[in-house]
Protein backbone atom coordinates (compact mmCIF):
# COMPACT_ATOMS: atom_id res chain seq x y z
CA MET A 1 -40.47 63.01 -49.41
CA LYS A 2 -44.02 62.14 -48.33
CA THR A 3 -44.90 65.85 -48.11
CA ARG A 4 -43.61 66.48 -51.63
CA LEU A 5 -45.50 63.48 -53.02
CA PHE A 6 -48.70 64.56 -51.26
CA SER A 7 -48.29 68.14 -52.54
CA PHE A 8 -47.68 66.93 -56.08
CA MET A 9 -50.75 64.66 -56.01
CA LEU A 10 -52.90 67.49 -54.62
CA ILE A 11 -51.74 69.85 -57.39
CA LEU A 12 -52.39 67.13 -59.97
CA ILE A 13 -55.93 66.54 -58.68
CA LEU A 14 -56.72 70.25 -58.55
CA SER A 15 -55.29 70.91 -62.03
CA THR A 16 -57.22 67.93 -63.40
CA SER A 17 -60.47 69.34 -61.98
CA PHE A 18 -59.73 72.75 -63.48
CA ALA A 19 -58.69 71.38 -66.87
CA VAL A 20 -61.72 69.09 -67.36
CA SER A 21 -63.65 72.06 -68.74
CA GLN A 22 -60.77 72.68 -71.20
CA LYS A 23 -61.14 69.44 -73.24
CA THR A 24 -59.17 67.06 -71.11
CA SER A 25 -59.04 63.66 -72.80
CA PHE A 26 -58.40 60.12 -71.69
CA GLY A 27 -56.54 57.50 -73.68
CA ILE A 28 -55.46 53.89 -73.89
CA LEU A 29 -51.92 53.35 -75.09
CA GLY A 30 -49.36 50.70 -75.80
CA GLY A 31 -45.98 50.41 -77.42
CA ILE A 32 -42.47 49.08 -77.46
CA ASN A 33 -39.87 49.89 -74.79
CA LEU A 34 -36.22 50.23 -75.67
CA GLN A 35 -34.67 50.29 -72.21
CA ASN A 36 -31.62 48.87 -70.55
CA LEU A 37 -30.78 48.18 -66.92
CA ASN A 38 -28.04 50.10 -65.09
CA GLY A 39 -26.41 49.47 -61.79
CA LYS A 40 -23.63 47.53 -60.13
CA ASP A 41 -23.10 43.83 -59.64
CA ASN A 42 -22.36 42.18 -56.27
CA ASN A 43 -18.65 43.03 -56.70
CA GLY A 44 -19.41 46.74 -57.16
CA SER A 45 -18.55 46.71 -60.89
CA LYS A 46 -20.75 48.55 -63.38
CA LEU A 47 -23.20 46.26 -65.18
CA GLU A 48 -22.40 45.75 -68.87
CA LEU A 49 -25.77 44.65 -70.24
CA ALA A 50 -27.25 44.54 -73.75
CA LEU A 51 -30.64 46.06 -74.54
CA THR A 52 -33.64 43.73 -74.69
CA PRO A 53 -36.91 45.23 -76.03
CA GLY A 54 -40.06 45.17 -73.89
CA PHE A 55 -43.57 46.60 -74.10
CA HIS A 56 -45.95 48.83 -72.19
CA ALA A 57 -49.75 49.16 -72.01
CA GLY A 58 -51.97 51.38 -69.95
CA VAL A 59 -54.06 54.51 -69.69
CA ASN A 60 -53.35 58.23 -69.58
CA ILE A 61 -55.04 61.59 -69.34
CA GLN A 62 -54.12 64.65 -71.42
CA ILE A 63 -54.58 67.93 -69.60
CA PRO A 64 -54.21 71.11 -71.67
CA VAL A 65 -51.67 73.56 -70.23
CA ALA A 66 -51.12 75.90 -73.21
CA PRO A 67 -52.10 75.90 -76.89
CA GLU A 68 -50.81 72.60 -78.37
CA PHE A 69 -49.11 71.59 -75.07
CA TYR A 70 -50.42 69.02 -72.60
CA PHE A 71 -49.51 67.49 -69.27
CA GLN A 72 -49.94 63.71 -69.67
CA PRO A 73 -49.79 61.57 -66.53
CA GLY A 74 -50.61 57.89 -66.88
CA LEU A 75 -50.50 54.45 -65.35
CA LEU A 76 -48.68 51.71 -67.29
CA PHE A 77 -47.82 48.04 -67.03
CA THR A 78 -44.26 47.91 -68.39
CA THR A 79 -41.80 45.13 -69.14
CA LYS A 80 -38.09 45.82 -69.12
CA GLY A 81 -35.11 43.63 -69.68
CA ALA A 82 -31.47 43.19 -70.48
CA LYS A 83 -29.08 40.46 -71.53
CA ASP A 84 -25.72 39.74 -69.93
CA ASN A 85 -23.53 38.30 -72.69
CA ASN A 86 -20.44 38.37 -70.42
CA ALA A 87 -21.92 35.90 -67.93
CA SER A 88 -21.40 32.19 -68.23
CA PRO A 89 -24.00 30.97 -69.03
CA ASP A 90 -25.70 33.93 -70.78
CA LEU A 91 -28.40 35.57 -68.63
CA LYS A 92 -31.56 37.46 -69.54
CA TYR A 93 -33.40 39.64 -67.05
CA ARG A 94 -37.16 40.17 -67.47
CA LEU A 95 -38.82 42.65 -65.10
CA CYS A 96 -42.43 43.87 -64.79
CA TYR A 97 -43.28 47.30 -63.38
CA LEU A 98 -46.22 49.56 -62.69
CA GLU A 99 -45.17 53.01 -63.87
CA LEU A 100 -46.45 56.53 -63.46
CA PRO A 101 -45.15 58.63 -66.37
CA LEU A 102 -45.44 62.42 -66.01
CA ASN A 103 -44.98 63.74 -69.54
CA ILE A 104 -45.19 67.08 -71.31
CA VAL A 105 -46.55 66.61 -74.84
CA TYR A 106 -46.61 68.85 -77.90
CA LYS A 107 -49.45 68.05 -80.33
CA GLY A 108 -49.22 69.85 -83.67
CA LEU A 109 -51.96 69.59 -86.30
CA LEU A 110 -51.00 67.54 -89.35
CA GLY A 111 -53.63 66.49 -91.89
CA LYS A 112 -56.53 64.74 -90.12
CA GLY A 113 -54.61 64.27 -86.90
CA HIS A 114 -51.82 65.46 -84.64
CA VAL A 115 -48.10 64.77 -84.51
CA MET A 116 -47.13 64.15 -80.88
CA ILE A 117 -43.70 64.63 -79.33
CA GLY A 118 -43.26 64.18 -75.60
CA PHE A 119 -40.84 63.69 -72.76
CA GLY A 120 -40.83 63.47 -69.00
CA PRO A 121 -39.85 61.57 -65.90
CA TYR A 122 -41.44 58.39 -64.62
CA LEU A 123 -41.72 56.60 -61.30
CA GLY A 124 -41.93 52.82 -61.30
CA TYR A 125 -42.41 50.00 -58.86
CA ALA A 126 -41.45 46.39 -59.64
CA ILE A 127 -44.19 43.78 -59.39
CA GLY A 128 -42.25 40.77 -60.63
CA GLY A 129 -39.23 39.50 -62.48
CA LYS A 130 -37.21 36.49 -63.59
CA VAL A 131 -33.67 35.64 -64.57
CA ILE A 132 -33.57 33.31 -67.58
CA PHE A 133 -30.42 31.24 -67.96
CA GLU A 134 -29.02 30.04 -71.30
CA ASN A 135 -30.60 26.60 -70.82
CA ASP A 136 -34.10 28.16 -70.21
CA VAL A 137 -33.94 27.59 -66.46
CA THR A 138 -35.59 30.50 -64.64
CA GLN A 139 -35.19 32.01 -61.20
CA ASP A 140 -37.40 34.65 -59.56
CA ILE A 141 -35.83 38.03 -58.87
CA GLU A 142 -36.07 39.27 -55.30
CA PHE A 143 -36.81 42.97 -54.82
CA THR A 144 -35.24 44.70 -51.84
CA ASN A 145 -33.40 47.93 -51.08
CA VAL A 146 -30.86 46.28 -48.79
CA VAL A 147 -29.27 42.86 -49.27
CA GLU A 148 -28.30 41.42 -45.90
CA ALA A 149 -24.93 39.69 -45.51
CA THR A 150 -26.80 36.48 -44.60
CA ALA A 151 -28.90 36.55 -47.82
CA PRO A 152 -28.46 33.64 -50.25
CA GLU A 153 -25.64 34.36 -52.72
CA LEU A 154 -27.30 32.57 -55.63
CA ALA A 155 -30.39 34.80 -55.55
CA THR A 156 -30.72 37.81 -57.87
CA TYR A 157 -31.61 41.11 -56.20
CA PHE A 158 -32.94 44.35 -57.65
CA LYS A 159 -34.35 47.47 -56.03
CA ALA A 160 -38.13 47.65 -56.45
CA PHE A 161 -38.34 51.43 -56.94
CA ASP A 162 -37.29 52.77 -60.35
CA THR A 163 -37.05 56.28 -61.76
CA GLY A 164 -36.02 57.51 -65.13
CA ALA A 165 -36.99 59.58 -68.13
CA ASN A 166 -38.68 58.82 -71.40
CA ILE A 167 -39.11 60.39 -74.81
CA PHE A 168 -41.67 59.47 -77.43
CA ALA A 169 -43.23 60.44 -80.72
CA GLY A 170 -46.47 59.41 -82.35
CA PHE A 171 -49.46 60.33 -84.47
CA GLU A 172 -53.13 60.62 -83.44
CA ASN A 173 -55.53 60.09 -86.34
CA TYR A 174 -58.99 61.69 -86.30
CA SER A 175 -60.74 60.06 -89.25
CA SER A 176 -64.54 60.32 -89.29
């Protein structure tokens, strides 16, 4: 795993150096997340959670790979969440992550700008989170890969590492 990550980062650095002469661009971005949380509860049952919108903000780089196609890695601060309407009392989960999206983007010319359509995987690491109970009482989420049998039962546990995929669309305006 470490060898693959190192190899990927080396290829990314080398391709970034090569692509700088081909109009590589940097950007600041933000937007709304429509994500849900998946997994199993402490009984091994599949979580049945409702979507709660979040947001993301960060930076990215667009590296040309072919006419109108770009590789777009970035670094984002992302909030995610979900609501458990089946719990008593109702619970909301709010999580904060640092994410590394690795997107492929198509940018087609349209008027004085470009239509953008993209997709790709992401890697994320949790940096904080809370459970919010119906009566606005909050509890910190603990991030761990293994929950020991002696761990407190009333605590909420999530894995810190997250992976997934994203899709997006947008418009870049070039007015002068």
